[in-house]
C-alpha atoms as a PDB file:
ATOM      1  CA  MET A   1     -29.993 -55.005 -74.337  1.00  0.00           C
ATOM      2  CA  ILE A   2     -30.848 -52.829 -71.339  1.00  0.00           C
ATOM      3  CA  THR A   3     -28.535 -52.858 -68.349  1.00  0.00           C
ATOM      4  CA  VAL A   4     -30.185 -52.183 -65.074  1.00  0.00           C
ATOM      5  CA  THR A   5     -27.711 -50.643 -62.406  1.00  0.00           C
ATOM      6  CA  THR A   6     -28.756 -50.497 -58.871  1.00  0.00           C
ATOM      7  CA  THR A   7     -27.117 -48.811 -56.181  1.00  0.00           C
ATOM      8  CA  LEU A   8     -27.080 -50.272 -52.698  1.00  0.00           C
ATOM      9  CA  GLN A   9     -27.419 -47.857 -49.722  1.00  0.00           C
ATOM     10  CA  SER A  10     -26.217 -48.775 -46.553  1.00  0.00           C
ATOM     11  CA  THR A  11     -28.816 -48.836 -43.925  1.00  0.00           C
ATOM     12  CA  GLU A  12     -26.501 -49.249 -41.025  1.00  0.00           C
ATOM     13  CA  ALA A  13     -26.436 -46.323 -38.495  1.00  0.00           C
ATOM     14  CA  PRO A  14     -23.201 -44.301 -38.087  1.00  0.00           C
ATOM     15  CA  ILE A  15     -20.898 -45.581 -35.417  1.00  0.00           C
ATOM     16  CA  SER A  16     -20.774 -43.167 -32.569  1.00  0.00           C
ATOM     17  CA  ASP A  17     -18.179 -42.725 -29.947  1.00  0.00           C
ATOM     18  CA  PRO A  18     -18.559 -45.039 -26.939  1.00  0.00           C
ATOM     19  CA  ALA A  19     -20.076 -43.412 -23.941  1.00  0.00           C
ATOM     20  CA  PRO A  20     -17.583 -42.863 -21.158  1.00  0.00           C
ATOM     21  CA  PRO A  21     -17.804 -45.472 -18.439  1.00  0.00           C
ATOM     22  CA  ARG A  22     -19.921 -44.519 -15.500  1.00  0.00           C
ATOM     23  CA  GLY A  23     -17.152 -44.653 -13.047  1.00  0.00           C
ATOM     24  CA  ARG A  24     -15.150 -42.089 -15.011  1.00  0.00           C
ATOM     25  CA  SER A  25     -18.008 -39.508 -15.177  1.00  0.00           C
ATOM     26  CA  THR A  26     -18.606 -40.048 -11.373  1.00  0.00           C
ATOM     27  CA  ALA A  27     -15.019 -39.383 -10.624  1.00  0.00           C
ATOM     28  CA  ALA A  28     -14.886 -36.228 -12.869  1.00  0.00           C
ATOM     29  CA  ARG A  29     -18.138 -35.078 -11.121  1.00  0.00           C
ATOM     30  CA  ARG A  30     -16.691 -35.703  -7.745  1.00  0.00           C
ATOM     31  CA  GLU A  31     -13.408 -33.796  -8.638  1.00  0.00           C
ATOM     32  CA  LEU A  32     -15.580 -30.782  -9.834  1.00  0.00           C
ATOM     33  CA  LEU A  33     -17.478 -30.862  -6.391  1.00  0.00           C
ATOM     34  CA  VAL A  34     -13.977 -30.912  -4.590  1.00  0.00           C
ATOM     35  CA  ARG A  35     -12.919 -27.876  -6.351  1.00  0.00           C
ATOM     36  CA  TRP A  36     -16.069 -25.918  -5.774  1.00  0.00           C
ATOM     37  CA  ALA A  37     -15.755 -27.013  -1.892  1.00  0.00           C
ATOM     38  CA  PHE A  38     -12.487 -25.261  -1.808  1.00  0.00           C
ATOM     39  CA  VAL A  39     -13.397 -22.146  -3.685  1.00  0.00           C
ATOM     40  CA  ILE A  40     -16.874 -21.591  -2.153  1.00  0.00           C
ATOM     41  CA  PRO A  41     -15.421 -20.613   1.334  1.00  0.00           C
ATOM     42  CA  ALA A  42     -13.033 -18.112  -0.233  1.00  0.00           C
ATOM     43  CA  ILE A  43     -15.940 -16.587  -2.103  1.00  0.00           C
ATOM     44  CA  VAL A  44     -18.122 -16.292   0.974  1.00  0.00           C
ATOM     45  CA  TYR A  45     -15.197 -14.913   2.840  1.00  0.00           C
ATOM     46  CA  VAL A  46     -14.460 -12.118   0.227  1.00  0.00           C
ATOM     47  CA  ALA A  47     -18.134 -11.230  -0.031  1.00  0.00           C
ATOM     48  CA  LEU A  48     -18.585 -10.986   3.673  1.00  0.00           C
ATOM     49  CA  PHE A  49     -15.268  -9.226   4.695  1.00  0.00           C
ATOM     50  CA  PHE A  50     -14.597  -7.132   1.465  1.00  0.00           C
ATOM     51  CA  GLY A  51     -17.645  -6.897  -0.587  1.00  0.00           C
ATOM     52  CA  TYR A  52     -20.176  -6.017   2.202  1.00  0.00           C
ATOM     53  CA  PRO A  53     -17.974  -3.347   3.821  1.00  0.00           C
ATOM     54  CA  VAL A  54     -17.339  -1.827   0.384  1.00  0.00           C
ATOM     55  CA  LEU A  55     -21.158  -1.507  -0.438  1.00  0.00           C
ATOM     56  CA  LYS A  56     -21.815  -0.170   2.961  1.00  0.00           C
ATOM     57  CA  SER A  57     -19.356   2.553   2.864  1.00  0.00           C
ATOM     58  CA  VAL A  58     -20.643   3.662  -0.625  1.00  0.00           C
ATOM     59  CA  THR A  59     -24.189   3.762   0.945  1.00  0.00           C
ATOM     60  CA  MET A  60     -23.040   5.642   4.064  1.00  0.00           C
ATOM     61  CA  GLY A  61     -21.618   8.292   1.727  1.00  0.00           C
ATOM     62  CA  PHE A  62     -25.167   9.263   0.653  1.00  0.00           C
ATOM     63  CA  GLN A  63     -26.520   9.182   4.252  1.00  0.00           C
ATOM     64  CA  GLU A  64     -26.084  11.540   7.340  1.00  0.00           C
ATOM     65  CA  TYR A  65     -24.310   8.985   9.356  1.00  0.00           C
ATOM     66  CA  THR A  66     -23.091  10.133  12.861  1.00  0.00           C
ATOM     67  CA  THR A  67     -22.204   8.176  16.019  1.00  0.00           C
ATOM     68  CA  ARG A  68     -25.841   8.310  17.096  1.00  0.00           C
ATOM     69  CA  SER A  69     -26.835   6.342  13.983  1.00  0.00           C
ATOM     70  CA  PHE A  70     -24.684   3.270  15.179  1.00  0.00           C
ATOM     71  CA  VAL A  71     -26.935   3.249  18.221  1.00  0.00           C
ATOM     72  CA  THR A  72     -30.328   4.093  16.689  1.00  0.00           C
ATOM     73  CA  GLY A  73     -29.883   2.897  13.265  1.00  0.00           C
ATOM     74  CA  GLU A  74     -31.350   5.979  11.968  1.00  0.00           C
ATOM     75  CA  ALA A  75     -29.351   7.488   8.901  1.00  0.00           C
ATOM     76  CA  PRO A  76     -31.452  10.003   6.871  1.00  0.00           C
ATOM     77  CA  TRP A  77     -30.666   9.892   3.046  1.00  0.00           C
ATOM     78  CA  VAL A  78     -28.969  13.175   1.983  1.00  0.00           C
ATOM     79  CA  GLY A  79     -27.830  12.208  -1.427  1.00  0.00           C
ATOM     80  CA  LEU A  80     -24.770  14.099  -2.625  1.00  0.00           C
ATOM     81  CA  GLN A  81     -24.866  16.657   0.214  1.00  0.00           C
ATOM     82  CA  ASN A  82     -21.923  15.006   2.051  1.00  0.00           C
ATOM     83  CA  TYR A  83     -19.581  15.241  -1.028  1.00  0.00           C
ATOM     84  CA  VAL A  84     -20.812  18.882  -1.603  1.00  0.00           C
ATOM     85  CA  ASP A  85     -19.744  19.712   1.883  1.00  0.00           C
ATOM     86  CA  VAL A  86     -16.431  18.228   1.468  1.00  0.00           C
ATOM     87  CA  VAL A  87     -15.635  19.785  -1.878  1.00  0.00           C
ATOM     88  CA  THR A  88     -16.871  23.218  -0.674  1.00  0.00           C
ATOM     89  CA  GLY A  89     -15.092  23.048   2.650  1.00  0.00           C
ATOM     90  CA  SER A  90     -12.376  25.525   3.607  1.00  0.00           C
ATOM     91  CA  LEU A  91      -9.731  22.713   3.986  1.00  0.00           C
ATOM     92  CA  PHE A  92     -10.490  20.823   0.786  1.00  0.00           C
ATOM     93  CA  THR A  93      -7.650  22.491  -1.318  1.00  0.00           C
ATOM     94  CA  THR A  94      -5.084  22.281   1.823  1.00  0.00           C
ATOM     95  CA  THR A  95      -5.953  18.601   2.156  1.00  0.00           C
ATOM     96  CA  LEU A  96      -5.412  17.611  -1.262  1.00  0.00           C
ATOM     97  CA  THR A  97      -2.095  19.650  -1.362  1.00  0.00           C
ATOM     98  CA  ASN A  98      -1.000  18.010   1.833  1.00  0.00           C
ATOM     99  CA  THR A  99      -1.980  14.470   0.514  1.00  0.00           C
ATOM    100  CA  ALA A 100      -0.045  15.020  -2.762  1.00  0.00           C
ATOM    101  CA  LEU A 101       2.953  16.343  -0.984  1.00  0.00           C
ATOM    102  CA  PHE A 102       3.018  13.727   1.608  1.00  0.00           C
ATOM    103  CA  THR A 103       2.408  10.859  -0.843  1.00  0.00           C
ATOM    104  CA  ILE A 104       5.051  12.090  -3.155  1.00  0.00           C
ATOM    105  CA  GLY A 105       7.681  13.042  -0.609  1.00  0.00           C
ATOM    106  CA  SER A 106       7.145   9.488   1.172  1.00  0.00           C
ATOM    107  CA  ILE A 107       7.247   7.546  -2.019  1.00  0.00           C
ATOM    108  CA  ILE A 108      10.412   9.275  -3.314  1.00  0.00           C
ATOM    109  CA  GLY A 109      12.202   8.986   0.010  1.00  0.00           C
ATOM    110  CA  GLN A 110      11.200   5.152   0.830  1.00  0.00           C
ATOM    111  CA  PHE A 111      12.031   4.049  -2.802  1.00  0.00           C
ATOM    112  CA  THR A 112      15.401   6.088  -3.095  1.00  0.00           C
ATOM    113  CA  LEU A 113      16.683   4.936   0.252  1.00  0.00           C
ATOM    114  CA  GLY A 114      15.364   1.577  -0.143  1.00  0.00           C
ATOM    115  CA  MET A 115      17.072   0.978  -3.600  1.00  0.00           C
ATOM    116  CA  LEU A 116      20.434   2.325  -2.291  1.00  0.00           C
ATOM    117  CA  LEU A 117      20.191  -0.086   0.623  1.00  0.00           C
ATOM    118  CA  ALA A 118      19.226  -2.859  -1.409  1.00  0.00           C
ATOM    119  CA  LEU A 119      22.156  -2.539  -3.802  1.00  0.00           C
ATOM    120  CA  TYR A 120      24.436  -2.145  -0.826  1.00  0.00           C
ATOM    121  CA  PHE A 121      23.072  -5.340   0.881  1.00  0.00           C
ATOM    122  CA  ASN A 122      23.308  -7.095  -2.517  1.00  0.00           C
ATOM    123  CA  ARG A 123      27.045  -7.717  -1.848  1.00  0.00           C
ATOM    124  CA  LYS A 124      28.901 -10.257   0.110  1.00  0.00           C
ATOM    125  CA  PHE A 125      30.500  -8.609   3.365  1.00  0.00           C
ATOM    126  CA  PRO A 126      30.649  -9.725   7.002  1.00  0.00           C
ATOM    127  CA  LEU A 127      27.338  -9.361   8.995  1.00  0.00           C
ATOM    128  CA  ASN A 128      25.317  -8.733   6.015  1.00  0.00           C
ATOM    129  CA  GLY A 129      22.450 -10.992   7.340  1.00  0.00           C
ATOM    130  CA  VAL A 130      22.298  -9.501  10.707  1.00  0.00           C
ATOM    131  CA  LEU A 131      22.175  -6.005   9.434  1.00  0.00           C
ATOM    132  CA  ARG A 132      19.517  -6.929   7.131  1.00  0.00           C
ATOM    133  CA  SER A 133      17.467  -8.465   9.960  1.00  0.00           C
ATOM    134  CA  MET A 134      18.040  -5.360  12.103  1.00  0.00           C
ATOM    135  CA  LEU A 135      16.789  -3.134   9.273  1.00  0.00           C
ATOM    136  CA  LEU A 136      13.422  -4.903   9.462  1.00  0.00           C
ATOM    137  CA  LEU A 137      12.808  -3.817  12.950  1.00  0.00           C
ATOM    138  CA  PRO A 138      11.011  -0.427  12.030  1.00  0.00           C
ATOM    139  CA  TRP A 139       8.696  -2.774  10.037  1.00  0.00           C
ATOM    140  CA  LEU A 140       7.811  -5.108  12.749  1.00  0.00           C
ATOM    141  CA  LEU A 141       7.083  -2.696  15.522  1.00  0.00           C
ATOM    142  CA  PRO A 142       3.734  -1.407  16.040  1.00  0.00           C
ATOM    143  CA  LEU A 143       3.042   2.122  14.295  1.00  0.00           C
ATOM    144  CA  ILE A 144       1.835   3.602  17.409  1.00  0.00           C
ATOM    145  CA  ALA A 145       4.847   2.666  19.211  1.00  0.00           C
ATOM    146  CA  SER A 146       7.115   3.892  16.658  1.00  0.00           C
ATOM    147  CA  THR A 147       5.241   7.243  16.284  1.00  0.00           C
ATOM    148  CA  ALA A 148       5.438   7.523  20.129  1.00  0.00           C
ATOM    149  CA  VAL A 149       9.179   7.337  20.045  1.00  0.00           C
ATOM    150  CA  TRP A 150       9.523   9.755  17.222  1.00  0.00           C
ATOM    151  CA  LYS A 151       7.196  12.211  18.901  1.00  0.00           C
ATOM    152  CA  TRP A 152       9.619  12.031  21.877  1.00  0.00           C
ATOM    153  CA  ILE A 153      12.520  12.523  19.646  1.00  0.00           C
ATOM    154  CA  LEU A 154      10.972  15.512  17.788  1.00  0.00           C
ATOM    155  CA  ASP A 155       9.609  17.265  20.791  1.00  0.00           C
ATOM    156  CA  GLN A 156      10.263  20.779  20.837  1.00  0.00           C
ATOM    157  CA  ASP A 157      11.141  21.259  24.561  1.00  0.00           C
ATOM    158  CA  SER A 158      12.738  18.025  25.678  1.00  0.00           C
ATOM    159  CA  GLY A 159      13.201  16.109  22.373  1.00  0.00           C
ATOM    160  CA  VAL A 160      16.621  14.330  21.797  1.00  0.00           C
ATOM    161  CA  LEU A 161      16.887  15.883  18.389  1.00  0.00           C
ATOM    162  CA  ASN A 162      16.524  19.484  19.588  1.00  0.00           C
ATOM    163  CA  GLN A 163      18.787  18.840  22.544  1.00  0.00           C
ATOM    164  CA  THR A 164      21.490  17.228  20.177  1.00  0.00           C
ATOM    165  CA  LEU A 165      21.303  20.252  17.810  1.00  0.00           C
ATOM    166  CA  MET A 166      21.600  22.752  20.485  1.00  0.00           C
ATOM    167  CA  GLY A 167      24.361  20.924  22.276  1.00  0.00           C
ATOM    168  CA  LEU A 168      26.438  20.833  19.027  1.00  0.00           C
ATOM    169  CA  GLY A 169      25.798  24.563  18.414  1.00  0.00           C
ATOM    170  CA  ILE A 170      23.903  23.899  15.123  1.00  0.00           C
ATOM    171  CA  VAL A 171      20.665  25.669  16.349  1.00  0.00           C
ATOM    172  CA  ALA A 172      20.151  28.356  19.136  1.00  0.00           C
ATOM    173  CA  ASP A 173      16.541  27.813  19.813  1.00  0.00           C
ATOM    174  CA  PRO A 174      14.420  24.711  19.858  1.00  0.00           C
ATOM    175  CA  VAL A 175      13.050  23.695  16.483  1.00  0.00           C
ATOM    176  CA  PRO A 176       9.156  23.294  16.468  1.00  0.00           C
ATOM    177  CA  TRP A 177       9.249  20.181  14.344  1.00  0.00           C
ATOM    178  CA  LEU A 178       5.589  18.854  14.840  1.00  0.00           C
ATOM    179  CA  THR A 179       3.907  22.351  15.335  1.00  0.00           C
ATOM    180  CA  SER A 180       5.520  24.645  12.790  1.00  0.00           C
ATOM    181  CA  PRO A 181       3.304  24.985   9.491  1.00  0.00           C
ATOM    182  CA  ASP A 182       6.665  24.894   7.587  1.00  0.00           C
ATOM    183  CA  LEU A 183       8.163  21.901   9.178  1.00  0.00           C
ATOM    184  CA  ALA A 184       5.342  19.731  10.453  1.00  0.00           C
ATOM    185  CA  LEU A 185       4.695  18.020   7.166  1.00  0.00           C
ATOM    186  CA  VAL A 186       8.458  17.456   6.452  1.00  0.00           C
ATOM    187  CA  ALA A 187       8.808  15.794   9.741  1.00  0.00           C
ATOM    188  CA  VAL A 188       5.786  13.449   9.274  1.00  0.00           C
ATOM    189  CA  VAL A 189       7.142  12.689   5.778  1.00  0.00           C
ATOM    190  CA  GLY A 190      10.567  11.865   7.235  1.00  0.00           C
ATOM    191  CA  VAL A 191       9.009   9.638   9.924  1.00  0.00           C
ATOM    192  CA  ASN A 192       6.808   7.852   7.301  1.00  0.00           C
ATOM    193  CA  VAL A 193       9.822   7.232   5.186  1.00  0.00           C
ATOM    194  CA  TRP A 194      11.698   5.720   8.026  1.00  0.00           C
ATOM    195  CA  LEU A 195       8.791   3.428   8.458  1.00  0.00           C
ATOM    196  CA  GLY A 196       8.655   2.381   4.932  1.00  0.00           C
ATOM    197  CA  ILE A 197      12.195   1.715   4.083  1.00  0.00           C
ATOM    198  CA  PRO A 198      12.370  -1.917   5.323  1.00  0.00           C
ATOM    199  CA  PHE A 199       9.496  -2.813   3.091  1.00  0.00           C
ATOM    200  CA  ASN A 200      11.011  -1.342  -0.019  1.00  0.00           C
ATOM    201  CA  VAL A 201      14.298  -2.986   0.806  1.00  0.00           C
ATOM    202  CA  SER A 202      12.900  -6.483   1.205  1.00  0.00           C
ATOM    203  CA  LEU A 203      11.033  -6.512  -2.189  1.00  0.00           C
ATOM    204  CA  LEU A 204      13.888  -4.830  -4.097  1.00  0.00           C
ATOM    205  CA  TYR A 205      16.555  -7.016  -2.483  1.00  0.00           C
ATOM    206  CA  GLY A 206      14.638 -10.065  -3.534  1.00  0.00           C
ATOM    207  CA  GLY A 207      14.429  -8.800  -7.065  1.00  0.00           C
ATOM    208  CA  LEU A 208      18.112  -8.093  -7.015  1.00  0.00           C
ATOM    209  CA  GLN A 209      18.659 -11.687  -6.067  1.00  0.00           C
ATOM    210  CA  ASP A 210      16.796 -12.953  -9.052  1.00  0.00           C
ATOM    211  CA  ILE A 211      19.194 -11.153 -11.573  1.00  0.00           C
ATOM    212  CA  PRO A 212      21.679 -13.916 -12.910  1.00  0.00           C
ATOM    213  CA  GLU A 213      25.281 -12.976 -12.165  1.00  0.00           C
ATOM    214  CA  GLU A 214      26.270 -13.959 -15.710  1.00  0.00           C
ATOM    215  CA  LEU A 215      24.608 -10.831 -17.168  1.00  0.00           C
ATOM    216  CA  TYR A 216      27.023  -8.634 -14.993  1.00  0.00           C
ATOM    217  CA  GLU A 217      29.972 -10.652 -16.144  1.00  0.00           C
ATOM    218  CA  ALA A 218      28.972 -10.539 -19.708  1.00  0.00           C
ATOM    219  CA  GLY A 219      28.333  -6.754 -19.361  1.00  0.00           C
ATOM    220  CA  ALA A 220      31.743  -6.154 -17.675  1.00  0.00           C
ATOM    221  CA  LEU A 221      33.278  -7.758 -20.794  1.00  0.00           C
ATOM    222  CA  ASP A 222      31.463  -5.016 -23.013  1.00  0.00           C
ATOM    223  CA  GLY A 223      32.597  -2.332 -20.390  1.00  0.00           C
ATOM    224  CA  ALA A 224      29.358  -2.033 -18.630  1.00  0.00           C
ATOM    225  CA  THR A 225      30.214  -1.456 -15.053  1.00  0.00           C
ATOM    226  CA  GLY A 226      29.015   0.793 -12.240  1.00  0.00           C
ATOM    227  CA  TRP A 227      26.176   2.976 -13.209  1.00  0.00           C
ATOM    228  CA  ARG A 228      26.256   1.822 -16.607  1.00  0.00           C
ATOM    229  CA  ALA A 229      25.580  -1.669 -15.351  1.00  0.00           C
ATOM    230  CA  PHE A 230      22.699  -0.488 -13.274  1.00  0.00           C
ATOM    231  CA  TRP A 231      20.891   1.300 -15.968  1.00  0.00           C
ATOM    232  CA  SER A 232      21.622  -1.292 -18.806  1.00  0.00           C
ATOM    233  CA  ILE A 233      21.314  -4.511 -16.625  1.00  0.00           C
ATOM    234  CA  THR A 234      19.861  -4.113 -13.085  1.00  0.00           C
ATOM    235  CA  TRP A 235      17.006  -1.591 -13.823  1.00  0.00           C
ATOM    236  CA  PRO A 236      15.613  -3.280 -16.939  1.00  0.00           C
ATOM    237  CA  ASN A 237      15.442  -6.687 -14.920  1.00  0.00           C
ATOM    238  CA  LEU A 238      13.970  -4.964 -11.822  1.00  0.00           C
ATOM    239  CA  ARG A 239      11.035  -3.098 -13.516  1.00  0.00           C
ATOM    240  CA  ALA A 240       8.465  -5.639 -12.501  1.00  0.00           C
ATOM    241  CA  VAL A 241       9.425  -5.464  -8.865  1.00  0.00           C
ATOM    242  CA  VAL A 242       9.714  -1.735  -9.025  1.00  0.00           C
ATOM    243  CA  SER A 243       6.057  -1.437 -10.331  1.00  0.00           C
ATOM    244  CA  VAL A 244       4.827  -3.617  -7.562  1.00  0.00           C
ATOM    245  CA  VAL A 245       6.938  -1.649  -4.926  1.00  0.00           C
ATOM    246  CA  LEU A 246       5.546   1.836  -6.127  1.00  0.00           C
ATOM    247  CA  VAL A 247       1.879   0.602  -6.492  1.00  0.00           C
ATOM    248  CA  LEU A 248       1.894  -0.762  -3.031  1.00  0.00           C
ATOM    249  CA  GLY A 249       3.859   2.357  -1.547  1.00  0.00           C
ATOM    250  CA  VAL A 250       1.147   4.704  -3.089  1.00  0.00           C
ATOM    251  CA  VAL A 251      -1.732   2.512  -1.692  1.00  0.00           C
ATOM    252  CA  TYR A 252      -0.299   2.222   1.800  1.00  0.00           C
ATOM    253  CA  THR A 253       0.814   6.089   1.970  1.00  0.00           C
ATOM    254  CA  LEU A 254      -2.688   7.151   0.946  1.00  0.00           C
ATOM    255  CA  LYS A 255      -4.068   5.179   3.845  1.00  0.00           C
ATOM    256  CA  VAL A 256      -1.728   6.557   6.533  1.00  0.00           C
ATOM    257  CA  LEU A 257      -3.770   7.743   9.629  1.00  0.00           C
ATOM    258  CA  ASP A 258      -1.943   6.384  12.748  1.00  0.00           C
ATOM    259  CA  VAL A 259       1.408   7.974  11.931  1.00  0.00           C
ATOM    260  CA  ILE A 260      -0.081  11.480  11.565  1.00  0.00           C
ATOM    261  CA  LEU A 261      -2.400  11.240  14.493  1.00  0.00           C
ATOM    262  CA  GLY A 262       0.394   9.834  16.573  1.00  0.00           C
ATOM    263  CA  LEU A 263       2.746  12.490  15.822  1.00  0.00           C
ATOM    264  CA  THR A 264       0.466  15.496  15.974  1.00  0.00           C
ATOM    265  CA  GLY A 265      -1.324  14.471  19.081  1.00  0.00           C
ATOM    266  CA  ALA A 266      -4.832  13.647  20.174  1.00  0.00           C
ATOM    267  CA  ASP A 267      -5.936  17.506  19.940  1.00  0.00           C
ATOM    268  CA  GLN A 268      -5.037  17.423  16.241  1.00  0.00           C
ATOM    269  CA  ARG A 269      -8.705  18.101  15.198  1.00  0.00           C
ATOM    270  CA  THR A 270      -8.920  21.456  17.281  1.00  0.00           C
ATOM    271  CA  ARG A 271      -5.308  22.583  16.307  1.00  0.00           C
ATOM    272  CA  LEU A 272      -5.362  21.927  12.777  1.00  0.00           C
ATOM    273  CA  ARG A 273      -8.508  23.660  12.052  1.00  0.00           C
ATOM    274  CA  ARG A 274      -6.604  26.892  12.625  1.00  0.00           C
ATOM    275  CA  SER A 275      -3.163  25.659  11.099  1.00  0.00           C
ATOM    276  CA  PRO A 276      -3.542  22.517   9.032  1.00  0.00           C
ATOM    277  CA  PRO A 277       0.219  21.729   8.222  1.00  0.00           C
ATOM    278  CA  THR A 278      -0.168  17.937   8.202  1.00  0.00           C
ATOM    279  CA  ARG A 279      -3.807  17.463   7.434  1.00  0.00           C
ATOM    280  CA  THR A 280      -4.433  14.865   4.622  1.00  0.00           C
ATOM    281  CA  THR A 281      -7.442  13.162   3.215  1.00  0.00           C
ATOM    282  CA  VAL A 282      -7.547  10.283   5.643  1.00  0.00           C
ATOM    283  CA  PRO A 283      -7.230  12.283   8.850  1.00  0.00           C
ATOM    284  CA  SER A 284      -9.613  14.942   7.393  1.00  0.00           C
ATOM    285  CA  SER A 285     -12.294  12.261   6.644  1.00  0.00           C
ATOM    286  CA  SER A 286     -11.895  10.965  10.173  1.00  0.00           C
ATOM    287  CA  SER A 287     -12.377  14.312  11.821  1.00  0.00           C
ATOM    288  CA  THR A 288     -15.248  15.150   9.439  1.00  0.00           C
ATOM    289  CA  SER A 289     -17.041  11.920  10.122  1.00  0.00           C
ATOM    290  CA  ALA A 290     -16.790  12.551  13.897  1.00  0.00           C
ATOM    291  CA  GLN A 291     -18.350  15.967  13.863  1.00  0.00           C
ATOM    292  CA  ALA A 292     -21.754  16.482  15.333  1.00  0.00           C
ATOM    293  CA  PRO A 293     -24.698  16.063  13.017  1.00  0.00           C
ATOM    294  CA  ARG A 294     -25.941  18.970  11.046  1.00  0.00           C
END
């Protein structure tokens, strides 16, 4: 007897996931549009006020751009000639050296004094808040006003500093703080350190406030006090803030122009061609761009 076996195959289609309701897809699309509505103005702002100036600056570096070019719009293409003129200039080495000394001296001074003051204010004592508020005054004042006051203090003939030193018998003759090739850079660095201390104190003090007090209590039980507590507890927990402070400090210091111009005077371009004690890359670029066309 022959047995016939048949296999029944299902002809039913696989069940697919139900389509999302139309209302839900519309809400998701609306939410996406709202997100882009918030993002697009920021993109346009960055493109207009950051992207365009950067591209324009790069383009101007390959053109002979003078003050006349802003009126006529004519700026002949010179390729790499501008960069060749800068590198082969007589002040190029001096400019780089002064920039390095100015930046390193300012960062070391600002960070060291800022850290010491932040550690000092990280304690509870009377008038702590008042003194910290007063410490912010150099940071809040316009740089031109601050440099004008410091120029008066450091003036060789009638400056307060020289008058005080001679009155105390420390020096016999007035010290040329801003005109001596040996002292001008030191004086400018000192003023820039004074201007940058509040910024360093604010960030470092905020970082110190975030360190739990329990860590110091546990460290004290193990004998970690004083400098040992600083290197074992404070510094490791403050590295992120220190990185931000140093990076921003270098960026701000490399862009310094008004402090140097305010201290050395309006005739800096003429005087510093003969003796460039405080010329750095930014003032040098400013004076070079203001020269007459070749």
